[in-house]
């Protein structure tokens, strides 16, 4: 999983079972990346949008939108190097490239999902997408910037874009596994 169109690349490598429902894969991505699950999302493959259908969704188009209920990861990622797009937060439009790197045998002793690697912190929610995040980083890195203090307060006083802690992600995954009984 890699945040698209941003350098340095913010990415995570995770192990999941191929029969994981897309709804749970969405939550897995949220945990792995560090998002807060506060916005809408969709998976995109071959110009088809797989998403959770809302009862009152007047904009739903059955030709392009598919309710992902009942779909699993293996329905979209069939072979090594297959790729899908995961979009989170339609306002900020965070696109993630998801690539099936390898198909491994399932280890019956292992509880999935597992984060095995990654790099760099997830951008803060609602920071304005790629361009807003770049601007935020410039402001945070310049204590003399007129908005530095305001943004430091907004961010909660601390933010290090270099930090990624896979052990913390795996702790949350363990809680997720217990909650979802995966």
N, C-alpha and C. Protein backbone atom coordinates (compact mmCIF):
# COMPACT_ATOMS: atom_id res chain seq x y z
N UNK A 1 0.87 -1.17 0.00
CA UNK A 1 0.00 0.00 0.00
C UNK A 1 0.91 1.22 0.00
N UNK A 2 0.74 2.09 -0.99
CA UNK A 2 1.56 3.30 -1.05
C UNK A 2 0.67 4.50 -1.38
N UNK A 3 0.88 5.57 -0.65
CA UNK A 3 0.17 6.81 -0.96
C UNK A 3 0.63 7.28 -2.33
N UNK A 4 -0.30 7.47 -3.23
CA UNK A 4 0.04 7.83 -4.62
C UNK A 4 0.44 9.29 -4.73
N UNK A 5 1.32 9.56 -5.67
CA UNK A 5 1.70 10.93 -6.06
C UNK A 5 2.34 11.75 -4.96
N UNK A 6 3.07 11.10 -4.07
CA UNK A 6 3.77 11.85 -3.02
C UNK A 6 5.17 11.28 -2.85
N UNK A 7 6.11 12.18 -2.68
CA UNK A 7 7.50 11.81 -2.38
C UNK A 7 7.94 12.57 -1.15
N UNK A 8 8.63 11.95 -0.23
CA UNK A 8 9.04 10.55 -0.23
C UNK A 8 7.82 9.63 -0.09
N UNK A 9 7.96 8.43 -0.63
CA UNK A 9 6.84 7.49 -0.66
C UNK A 9 6.46 7.06 0.75
N UNK A 10 5.18 7.22 1.07
CA UNK A 10 4.61 6.75 2.34
C UNK A 10 3.96 5.41 2.02
N UNK A 11 4.47 4.35 2.63
CA UNK A 11 4.01 3.02 2.24
C UNK A 11 3.96 2.06 3.42
N UNK A 12 3.19 0.97 3.21
CA UNK A 12 3.09 -0.12 4.17
C UNK A 12 3.08 -1.44 3.40
N UNK A 13 3.73 -2.43 3.97
CA UNK A 13 3.67 -3.79 3.42
C UNK A 13 2.94 -4.63 4.47
N UNK A 14 1.84 -5.23 4.05
CA UNK A 14 1.04 -6.02 4.99
C UNK A 14 0.78 -7.40 4.41
N UNK A 15 0.51 -8.33 5.32
CA UNK A 15 0.07 -9.67 4.94
C UNK A 15 -1.40 -9.79 5.32
N UNK A 16 -2.21 -10.19 4.36
CA UNK A 16 -3.64 -10.40 4.60
C UNK A 16 -4.04 -11.69 3.91
N UNK A 17 -5.15 -12.25 4.36
CA UNK A 17 -5.68 -13.44 3.68
C UNK A 17 -6.49 -12.99 2.47
N UNK A 18 -6.45 -13.78 1.43
CA UNK A 18 -7.11 -13.41 0.18
C UNK A 18 -8.63 -13.38 0.29
N UNK A 19 -9.18 -14.07 1.30
CA UNK A 19 -10.64 -14.09 1.45
C UNK A 19 -11.16 -12.97 2.35
N UNK A 20 -10.31 -12.00 2.67
CA UNK A 20 -10.72 -10.87 3.50
C UNK A 20 -11.74 -10.03 2.72
N UNK A 21 -12.93 -9.78 3.31
CA UNK A 21 -13.91 -8.93 2.63
C UNK A 21 -13.35 -7.52 2.40
N UNK A 22 -13.78 -6.88 1.32
CA UNK A 22 -13.29 -5.53 1.03
C UNK A 22 -13.61 -4.55 2.16
N UNK A 23 -14.74 -4.75 2.85
CA UNK A 23 -15.07 -3.87 3.97
C UNK A 23 -14.02 -3.98 5.08
N UNK A 24 -13.53 -5.18 5.34
CA UNK A 24 -12.47 -5.36 6.34
C UNK A 24 -11.11 -4.94 5.80
N UNK A 25 -10.91 -5.09 4.50
CA UNK A 25 -9.66 -4.63 3.89
C UNK A 25 -9.57 -3.11 4.02
N UNK A 26 -10.70 -2.43 3.83
CA UNK A 26 -10.73 -0.98 4.04
C UNK A 26 -10.25 -0.63 5.44
N UNK A 27 -10.77 -1.31 6.45
CA UNK A 27 -10.35 -1.03 7.83
C UNK A 27 -8.89 -1.39 8.05
N UNK A 28 -8.43 -2.44 7.40
CA UNK A 28 -7.02 -2.84 7.48
C UNK A 28 -6.12 -1.74 6.93
N UNK A 29 -6.50 -1.17 5.80
CA UNK A 29 -5.74 -0.07 5.20
C UNK A 29 -5.74 1.14 6.14
N UNK A 30 -6.90 1.44 6.70
CA UNK A 30 -7.00 2.57 7.63
C UNK A 30 -6.01 2.41 8.79
N UNK A 31 -5.98 1.23 9.37
CA UNK A 31 -5.08 0.96 10.50
C UNK A 31 -3.62 1.01 10.05
N UNK A 32 -3.31 0.33 8.97
CA UNK A 32 -1.92 0.26 8.50
C UNK A 32 -1.37 1.64 8.17
N UNK A 33 -2.16 2.45 7.50
CA UNK A 33 -1.69 3.78 7.10
C UNK A 33 -1.69 4.76 8.26
N UNK A 34 -2.67 4.63 9.15
CA UNK A 34 -2.78 5.58 10.25
C UNK A 34 -3.93 6.56 10.08
N UNK A 35 -4.84 6.27 9.16
CA UNK A 35 -6.01 7.11 8.98
C UNK A 35 -6.99 6.89 10.13
N UNK A 36 -8.00 7.73 10.22
CA UNK A 36 -8.96 7.67 11.33
C UNK A 36 -10.34 7.17 10.93
N UNK A 37 -10.50 6.72 9.69
CA UNK A 37 -11.77 6.20 9.20
C UNK A 37 -12.90 7.23 9.37
N UNK A 38 -12.61 8.47 9.02
CA UNK A 38 -13.56 9.56 9.21
C UNK A 38 -14.23 10.00 7.91
N UNK A 39 -13.90 9.35 6.80
CA UNK A 39 -14.40 9.79 5.50
C UNK A 39 -14.80 8.59 4.64
N UNK A 40 -15.46 8.89 3.53
CA UNK A 40 -15.85 7.86 2.58
C UNK A 40 -14.63 7.30 1.86
N UNK A 41 -14.82 6.17 1.23
CA UNK A 41 -13.71 5.50 0.55
C UNK A 41 -14.26 4.67 -0.61
N UNK A 42 -13.36 4.26 -1.49
CA UNK A 42 -13.73 3.35 -2.57
C UNK A 42 -12.48 2.66 -3.11
N UNK A 43 -12.70 1.49 -3.66
CA UNK A 43 -11.66 0.77 -4.40
C UNK A 43 -11.97 0.96 -5.87
N UNK A 44 -10.95 1.15 -6.69
CA UNK A 44 -11.16 1.39 -8.11
C UNK A 44 -10.30 0.39 -8.90
N UNK A 45 -10.98 -0.31 -9.82
CA UNK A 45 -10.26 -1.21 -10.73
C UNK A 45 -10.98 -1.20 -12.07
N UNK A 46 -10.22 -0.98 -13.13
CA UNK A 46 -10.78 -0.96 -14.49
C UNK A 46 -11.99 -0.03 -14.61
N UNK A 47 -11.87 1.16 -14.05
CA UNK A 47 -12.90 2.21 -14.11
C UNK A 47 -14.20 1.82 -13.41
N UNK A 48 -14.15 0.80 -12.57
CA UNK A 48 -15.30 0.42 -11.76
C UNK A 48 -14.98 0.79 -10.32
N UNK A 49 -15.98 1.36 -9.64
CA UNK A 49 -15.82 1.85 -8.27
C UNK A 49 -16.53 0.90 -7.32
N UNK A 50 -15.77 0.28 -6.44
CA UNK A 50 -16.30 -0.65 -5.45
C UNK A 50 -16.36 0.09 -4.12
N UNK A 51 -17.57 0.23 -3.59
CA UNK A 51 -17.71 1.00 -2.37
C UNK A 51 -18.90 0.50 -1.56
N UNK A 52 -19.03 1.03 -0.39
CA UNK A 52 -20.15 0.70 0.47
C UNK A 52 -21.34 1.52 0.03
N UNK A 53 -22.41 0.86 -0.33
CA UNK A 53 -23.59 1.60 -0.81
C UNK A 53 -24.36 2.17 0.38
N UNK A 54 -24.64 3.46 0.26
CA UNK A 54 -25.43 4.14 1.28
C UNK A 54 -26.90 4.09 0.84
N UNK A 55 -27.79 3.90 1.79
CA UNK A 55 -29.22 3.79 1.48
C UNK A 55 -29.76 5.01 0.73
N UNK A 56 -29.29 6.19 1.11
CA UNK A 56 -29.84 7.42 0.53
C UNK A 56 -28.90 8.04 -0.50
N UNK A 57 -28.12 7.23 -1.18
CA UNK A 57 -27.13 7.75 -2.12
C UNK A 57 -27.80 8.07 -3.46
N UNK A 58 -28.19 9.32 -3.64
CA UNK A 58 -28.87 9.75 -4.86
C UNK A 58 -27.93 9.78 -6.06
N UNK A 59 -26.62 9.82 -5.81
CA UNK A 59 -25.65 9.91 -6.90
C UNK A 59 -25.18 8.54 -7.39
N UNK A 60 -25.72 7.48 -6.82
CA UNK A 60 -25.28 6.13 -7.18
C UNK A 60 -25.54 5.86 -8.66
N UNK A 61 -24.57 5.31 -9.34
CA UNK A 61 -24.68 4.98 -10.75
C UNK A 61 -24.32 3.50 -10.89
N UNK A 62 -25.30 2.66 -11.16
CA UNK A 62 -25.08 1.21 -11.23
C UNK A 62 -24.12 0.79 -12.34
N UNK A 63 -23.87 1.66 -13.31
CA UNK A 63 -22.95 1.31 -14.40
C UNK A 63 -21.50 1.40 -13.96
N UNK A 64 -21.20 2.29 -13.02
CA UNK A 64 -19.81 2.49 -12.59
C UNK A 64 -19.58 2.08 -11.14
N UNK A 65 -20.63 2.10 -10.33
CA UNK A 65 -20.49 1.81 -8.90
C UNK A 65 -21.00 0.41 -8.58
N UNK A 66 -20.22 -0.30 -7.78
CA UNK A 66 -20.58 -1.64 -7.35
C UNK A 66 -20.55 -1.66 -5.82
N UNK A 67 -21.64 -2.13 -5.23
CA UNK A 67 -21.66 -2.29 -3.77
C UNK A 67 -20.69 -3.43 -3.45
N UNK A 68 -19.68 -3.13 -2.65
CA UNK A 68 -18.64 -4.14 -2.42
C UNK A 68 -19.02 -5.20 -1.39
N UNK A 69 -20.22 -5.14 -0.87
CA UNK A 69 -20.66 -6.17 0.06
C UNK A 69 -20.58 -7.53 -0.64
N UNK A 70 -19.91 -8.47 -0.02
CA UNK A 70 -19.75 -9.80 -0.61
C UNK A 70 -18.48 -9.96 -1.44
N UNK A 71 -17.79 -8.85 -1.73
CA UNK A 71 -16.53 -8.94 -2.48
C UNK A 71 -15.36 -9.14 -1.52
N UNK A 72 -14.37 -9.91 -1.99
CA UNK A 72 -13.15 -10.16 -1.22
C UNK A 72 -11.97 -9.57 -1.98
N UNK A 73 -10.84 -9.48 -1.29
CA UNK A 73 -9.61 -9.00 -1.94
C UNK A 73 -9.32 -9.82 -3.20
N UNK A 74 -9.48 -11.12 -3.10
CA UNK A 74 -9.15 -12.00 -4.23
C UNK A 74 -10.05 -11.79 -5.45
N UNK A 75 -11.15 -11.07 -5.28
CA UNK A 75 -12.00 -10.75 -6.43
C UNK A 75 -11.40 -9.63 -7.27
N UNK A 76 -10.54 -8.81 -6.67
CA UNK A 76 -9.94 -7.68 -7.38
C UNK A 76 -8.45 -7.89 -7.67
N UNK A 77 -7.77 -8.56 -6.76
CA UNK A 77 -6.34 -8.83 -6.94
C UNK A 77 -6.19 -10.32 -7.19
N UNK A 78 -6.01 -10.68 -8.46
CA UNK A 78 -6.04 -12.08 -8.85
C UNK A 78 -4.67 -12.73 -8.94
N UNK A 79 -3.68 -11.93 -9.36
CA UNK A 79 -2.35 -12.50 -9.56
C UNK A 79 -1.29 -11.48 -9.16
N UNK A 80 -0.07 -11.97 -9.00
CA UNK A 80 1.05 -11.11 -8.64
C UNK A 80 1.14 -9.92 -9.60
N UNK A 81 1.40 -8.77 -9.03
CA UNK A 81 1.52 -7.48 -9.73
C UNK A 81 0.19 -6.85 -10.10
N UNK A 82 -0.94 -7.51 -9.79
CA UNK A 82 -2.23 -6.85 -9.98
C UNK A 82 -2.28 -5.62 -9.08
N UNK A 83 -2.99 -4.60 -9.55
CA UNK A 83 -3.01 -3.33 -8.84
C UNK A 83 -4.43 -2.78 -8.78
N UNK A 84 -4.77 -2.19 -7.65
CA UNK A 84 -6.02 -1.45 -7.51
C UNK A 84 -5.72 -0.12 -6.86
N UNK A 85 -6.65 0.79 -7.01
CA UNK A 85 -6.56 2.11 -6.39
C UNK A 85 -7.54 2.13 -5.23
N UNK A 86 -7.10 2.62 -4.10
CA UNK A 86 -7.97 2.83 -2.94
C UNK A 86 -8.00 4.33 -2.70
N UNK A 87 -9.18 4.92 -2.78
CA UNK A 87 -9.31 6.35 -2.51
C UNK A 87 -10.00 6.55 -1.17
N UNK A 88 -9.40 7.40 -0.36
CA UNK A 88 -9.94 7.72 0.95
C UNK A 88 -10.14 9.23 1.04
N UNK A 89 -11.29 9.64 1.55
CA UNK A 89 -11.62 11.05 1.75
C UNK A 89 -11.75 11.74 0.39
N UNK A 90 -12.96 11.76 -0.13
CA UNK A 90 -13.20 12.30 -1.46
C UNK A 90 -12.91 13.79 -1.56
N UNK A 91 -12.88 14.50 -0.44
CA UNK A 91 -12.51 15.92 -0.44
C UNK A 91 -11.01 16.09 -0.62
N UNK A 92 -10.22 15.42 0.22
CA UNK A 92 -8.76 15.49 0.12
C UNK A 92 -8.23 14.56 -0.97
N UNK A 93 -9.00 13.56 -1.32
CA UNK A 93 -8.69 12.63 -2.41
C UNK A 93 -7.33 11.95 -2.24
N UNK A 94 -7.20 11.20 -1.15
CA UNK A 94 -5.98 10.43 -0.90
C UNK A 94 -6.06 9.13 -1.67
N UNK A 95 -5.29 9.01 -2.74
CA UNK A 95 -5.25 7.78 -3.53
C UNK A 95 -4.08 6.92 -3.06
N UNK A 96 -4.33 5.63 -2.97
CA UNK A 96 -3.32 4.66 -2.55
C UNK A 96 -3.18 3.60 -3.64
N UNK A 97 -1.96 3.31 -4.02
CA UNK A 97 -1.70 2.21 -4.95
C UNK A 97 -1.56 0.94 -4.13
N UNK A 98 -2.38 -0.03 -4.44
CA UNK A 98 -2.31 -1.32 -3.75
C UNK A 98 -1.89 -2.36 -4.77
N UNK A 99 -0.75 -2.96 -4.51
CA UNK A 99 -0.19 -3.94 -5.45
C UNK A 99 -0.02 -5.28 -4.74
N UNK A 100 -0.49 -6.33 -5.39
CA UNK A 100 -0.27 -7.68 -4.88
C UNK A 100 1.15 -8.08 -5.25
N UNK A 101 2.03 -8.05 -4.26
CA UNK A 101 3.45 -8.33 -4.52
C UNK A 101 3.76 -9.82 -4.60
N UNK A 102 3.09 -10.58 -3.77
CA UNK A 102 3.42 -12.00 -3.69
C UNK A 102 2.23 -12.77 -3.12
N UNK A 103 2.05 -13.99 -3.56
CA UNK A 103 1.03 -14.88 -2.99
C UNK A 103 1.78 -15.93 -2.19
N UNK A 104 1.50 -15.95 -0.90
CA UNK A 104 2.18 -16.87 0.02
C UNK A 104 1.20 -17.90 0.56
N UNK A 105 1.70 -19.06 0.97
CA UNK A 105 0.80 -20.02 1.63
C UNK A 105 0.36 -19.47 2.98
N UNK A 106 -0.85 -19.80 3.37
CA UNK A 106 -1.37 -19.34 4.66
C UNK A 106 -0.70 -20.14 5.77
N UNK A 107 -0.23 -19.43 6.78
CA UNK A 107 0.33 -20.06 7.97
C UNK A 107 -0.80 -20.16 8.99
N UNK A 108 -1.23 -21.37 9.29
CA UNK A 108 -2.39 -21.57 10.17
C UNK A 108 -2.15 -21.06 11.59
N UNK A 109 -0.90 -20.86 11.97
CA UNK A 109 -0.59 -20.36 13.32
C UNK A 109 -0.60 -18.83 13.39
N UNK A 110 -0.67 -18.19 12.24
CA UNK A 110 -0.58 -16.73 12.18
C UNK A 110 -1.96 -16.10 12.15
N UNK A 111 -2.11 -15.01 12.90
CA UNK A 111 -3.33 -14.21 12.87
C UNK A 111 -3.09 -13.04 11.93
N UNK A 112 -3.92 -12.93 10.92
CA UNK A 112 -3.79 -11.86 9.93
C UNK A 112 -4.84 -10.79 10.21
N UNK A 113 -4.58 -9.54 9.82
CA UNK A 113 -3.47 -8.97 9.07
C UNK A 113 -2.24 -8.71 9.94
N UNK A 114 -1.10 -8.57 9.26
CA UNK A 114 0.17 -8.24 9.91
C UNK A 114 0.86 -7.18 9.05
N UNK A 115 1.41 -6.18 9.71
CA UNK A 115 2.24 -5.20 9.02
C UNK A 115 3.68 -5.67 9.15
N UNK A 116 4.36 -5.85 8.02
CA UNK A 116 5.74 -6.33 8.08
C UNK A 116 6.77 -5.24 7.79
N UNK A 117 6.31 -4.11 7.24
CA UNK A 117 7.24 -3.02 6.97
C UNK A 117 6.47 -1.78 6.56
N UNK A 118 7.16 -0.67 6.52
CA UNK A 118 6.55 0.58 6.10
C UNK A 118 7.52 1.72 6.30
N UNK A 119 7.13 2.87 5.80
CA UNK A 119 8.00 4.02 5.95
C UNK A 119 7.18 5.30 5.93
N UNK A 120 7.53 6.20 6.81
CA UNK A 120 6.99 7.54 6.96
C UNK A 120 5.58 7.56 7.56
N UNK A 121 5.30 8.65 8.25
CA UNK A 121 4.01 8.83 8.93
C UNK A 121 2.91 9.14 7.93
N UNK A 122 1.72 8.77 8.31
CA UNK A 122 0.53 9.11 7.54
C UNK A 122 0.27 10.61 7.67
N UNK A 123 -0.16 11.27 6.61
CA UNK A 123 -0.53 12.68 6.75
C UNK A 123 -1.69 12.84 7.73
N UNK A 124 -1.79 13.98 8.38
CA UNK A 124 -2.93 14.22 9.27
C UNK A 124 -4.24 14.29 8.47
N UNK A 125 -5.31 13.85 9.10
CA UNK A 125 -6.63 13.97 8.48
C UNK A 125 -6.94 15.44 8.18
N UNK A 126 -7.67 15.65 7.10
CA UNK A 126 -8.20 16.97 6.75
C UNK A 126 -7.15 18.06 6.55
N UNK A 127 -5.97 17.66 6.08
CA UNK A 127 -4.91 18.67 5.87
C UNK A 127 -4.91 19.21 4.44
N UNK A 128 -5.84 18.75 3.60
CA UNK A 128 -5.95 19.33 2.27
C UNK A 128 -5.37 18.49 1.15
N UNK A 129 -5.23 17.20 1.36
CA UNK A 129 -4.70 16.34 0.30
C UNK A 129 -3.21 16.52 0.12
N UNK A 130 -2.70 16.03 -1.00
CA UNK A 130 -1.26 16.06 -1.27
C UNK A 130 -0.70 17.47 -1.16
N UNK A 131 -1.36 18.44 -1.82
CA UNK A 131 -0.82 19.81 -1.84
C UNK A 131 -0.91 20.44 -0.46
N UNK A 132 -2.00 20.19 0.25
CA UNK A 132 -2.14 20.73 1.60
C UNK A 132 -1.10 20.14 2.54
N UNK A 133 -0.81 18.85 2.36
CA UNK A 133 0.19 18.20 3.21
C UNK A 133 1.58 18.77 2.94
N UNK A 134 1.91 18.97 1.67
CA UNK A 134 3.21 19.57 1.34
C UNK A 134 3.34 20.95 1.97
N UNK A 135 2.28 21.74 1.88
CA UNK A 135 2.28 23.08 2.48
C UNK A 135 2.41 23.00 4.00
N UNK A 136 1.68 22.07 4.61
CA UNK A 136 1.74 21.87 6.06
C UNK A 136 3.16 21.54 6.49
N UNK A 137 3.82 20.64 5.78
CA UNK A 137 5.20 20.26 6.13
C UNK A 137 6.14 21.45 6.03
N UNK A 138 5.97 22.28 5.00
CA UNK A 138 6.81 23.48 4.86
C UNK A 138 6.61 24.41 6.05
N UNK A 139 5.37 24.60 6.45
CA UNK A 139 5.07 25.49 7.59
C UNK A 139 5.62 24.91 8.88
N UNK A 140 5.42 23.61 9.11
CA UNK A 140 5.91 22.99 10.35
C UNK A 140 7.43 22.99 10.43
N UNK A 141 8.09 22.93 9.28
CA UNK A 141 9.56 22.93 9.25
C UNK A 141 10.18 24.32 9.32
N UNK A 142 9.34 25.34 9.36
CA UNK A 142 9.83 26.72 9.41
C UNK A 142 9.25 27.45 10.61
N UNK A 143 9.95 27.41 11.76
CA UNK A 143 9.44 28.07 12.98
C UNK A 143 9.20 29.56 12.80
N UNK A 144 9.78 30.18 11.78
CA UNK A 144 9.59 31.61 11.55
C UNK A 144 8.36 31.91 10.68
N UNK A 145 7.75 30.87 10.13
CA UNK A 145 6.57 31.07 9.28
C UNK A 145 5.45 31.65 10.13
N UNK A 146 4.71 32.60 9.56
CA UNK A 146 3.66 33.29 10.31
C UNK A 146 2.55 32.36 10.80
N UNK A 147 2.35 31.21 10.15
CA UNK A 147 1.31 30.27 10.57
C UNK A 147 1.85 29.08 11.35
N UNK A 148 3.15 29.08 11.63
CA UNK A 148 3.78 27.93 12.29
C UNK A 148 3.10 27.58 13.62
N UNK A 149 2.94 28.56 14.47
CA UNK A 149 2.35 28.30 15.79
C UNK A 149 0.92 27.78 15.68
N UNK A 150 0.15 28.38 14.80
CA UNK A 150 -1.24 27.97 14.60
C UNK A 150 -1.32 26.51 14.14
N UNK A 151 -0.46 26.14 13.18
CA UNK A 151 -0.48 24.77 12.67
C UNK A 151 0.08 23.77 13.69
N UNK A 152 1.05 24.19 14.47
CA UNK A 152 1.56 23.31 15.53
C UNK A 152 0.45 22.99 16.53
N UNK A 153 -0.35 24.00 16.84
CA UNK A 153 -1.48 23.79 17.75
C UNK A 153 -2.52 22.87 17.10
N UNK A 154 -2.82 23.11 15.82
CA UNK A 154 -3.80 22.30 15.10
C UNK A 154 -3.37 20.84 15.04
N UNK A 155 -2.08 20.62 14.87
CA UNK A 155 -1.55 19.26 14.73
C UNK A 155 -1.43 18.56 16.09
N UNK A 156 -1.59 19.31 17.15
CA UNK A 156 -1.51 18.72 18.49
C UNK A 156 -0.14 18.88 19.12
N UNK A 157 0.68 19.75 18.57
CA UNK A 157 1.98 20.04 19.18
C UNK A 157 3.14 19.22 18.68
N UNK A 158 2.89 18.04 18.16
CA UNK A 158 3.98 17.19 17.69
C UNK A 158 3.57 16.46 16.42
N UNK A 159 4.48 16.44 15.49
CA UNK A 159 4.27 15.61 14.29
C UNK A 159 5.62 15.41 13.64
N UNK A 160 6.01 14.17 13.49
CA UNK A 160 7.26 13.86 12.82
C UNK A 160 6.94 13.00 11.59
N UNK A 161 7.03 13.59 10.40
CA UNK A 161 6.67 12.85 9.19
C UNK A 161 7.60 11.67 8.89
N UNK A 162 8.72 11.61 9.58
CA UNK A 162 9.70 10.53 9.35
C UNK A 162 9.36 9.24 10.09
N UNK A 163 8.49 9.34 11.09
CA UNK A 163 8.26 8.20 12.00
C UNK A 163 7.14 7.28 11.50
N UNK A 164 7.45 6.00 11.49
CA UNK A 164 6.46 4.96 11.29
C UNK A 164 6.80 3.83 12.25
N UNK A 165 5.82 3.36 12.99
CA UNK A 165 6.03 2.33 14.00
C UNK A 165 5.16 1.11 13.69
N UNK A 166 5.75 0.12 13.04
CA UNK A 166 4.97 -1.07 12.66
C UNK A 166 4.47 -1.84 13.88
N UNK A 167 5.20 -1.79 14.99
CA UNK A 167 4.75 -2.49 16.19
C UNK A 167 3.43 -1.90 16.71
N UNK A 168 3.30 -0.59 16.63
CA UNK A 168 2.04 0.05 17.03
C UNK A 168 0.90 -0.36 16.11
N UNK A 169 1.19 -0.44 14.83
CA UNK A 169 0.17 -0.88 13.87
C UNK A 169 -0.25 -2.31 14.19
N UNK A 170 0.70 -3.18 14.48
CA UNK A 170 0.37 -4.58 14.77
C UNK A 170 -0.40 -4.72 16.08
N UNK A 171 -0.17 -3.85 17.05
CA UNK A 171 -0.97 -3.86 18.28
C UNK A 171 -2.43 -3.55 17.97
N UNK A 172 -2.65 -2.57 17.11
CA UNK A 172 -4.02 -2.23 16.72
C UNK A 172 -4.62 -3.37 15.90
N UNK A 173 -3.83 -3.98 15.03
CA UNK A 173 -4.31 -5.14 14.27
C UNK A 173 -4.78 -6.25 15.21
N UNK A 174 -4.05 -6.51 16.28
CA UNK A 174 -4.45 -7.56 17.23
C UNK A 174 -5.81 -7.26 17.84
N UNK A 175 -6.05 -5.99 18.18
CA UNK A 175 -7.37 -5.59 18.72
C UNK A 175 -8.44 -5.76 17.65
N UNK A 176 -8.11 -5.38 16.43
CA UNK A 176 -9.02 -5.50 15.29
C UNK A 176 -9.39 -6.96 15.06
N UNK A 177 -8.41 -7.85 15.12
CA UNK A 177 -8.64 -9.29 14.92
C UNK A 177 -9.60 -9.82 15.99
N UNK A 178 -9.38 -9.42 17.24
CA UNK A 178 -10.27 -9.87 18.33
C UNK A 178 -11.68 -9.33 18.13
N UNK A 179 -11.77 -8.05 17.76
CA UNK A 179 -13.07 -7.41 17.58
C UNK A 179 -13.83 -8.04 16.41
N UNK A 180 -13.15 -8.25 15.29
CA UNK A 180 -13.79 -8.79 14.09
C UNK A 180 -13.82 -10.32 14.08
N UNK A 181 -13.09 -10.93 15.01
CA UNK A 181 -12.97 -12.39 15.07
C UNK A 181 -12.47 -12.95 13.73
N UNK A 182 -11.43 -12.31 13.21
CA UNK A 182 -10.85 -12.74 11.92
C UNK A 182 -9.99 -13.98 12.12
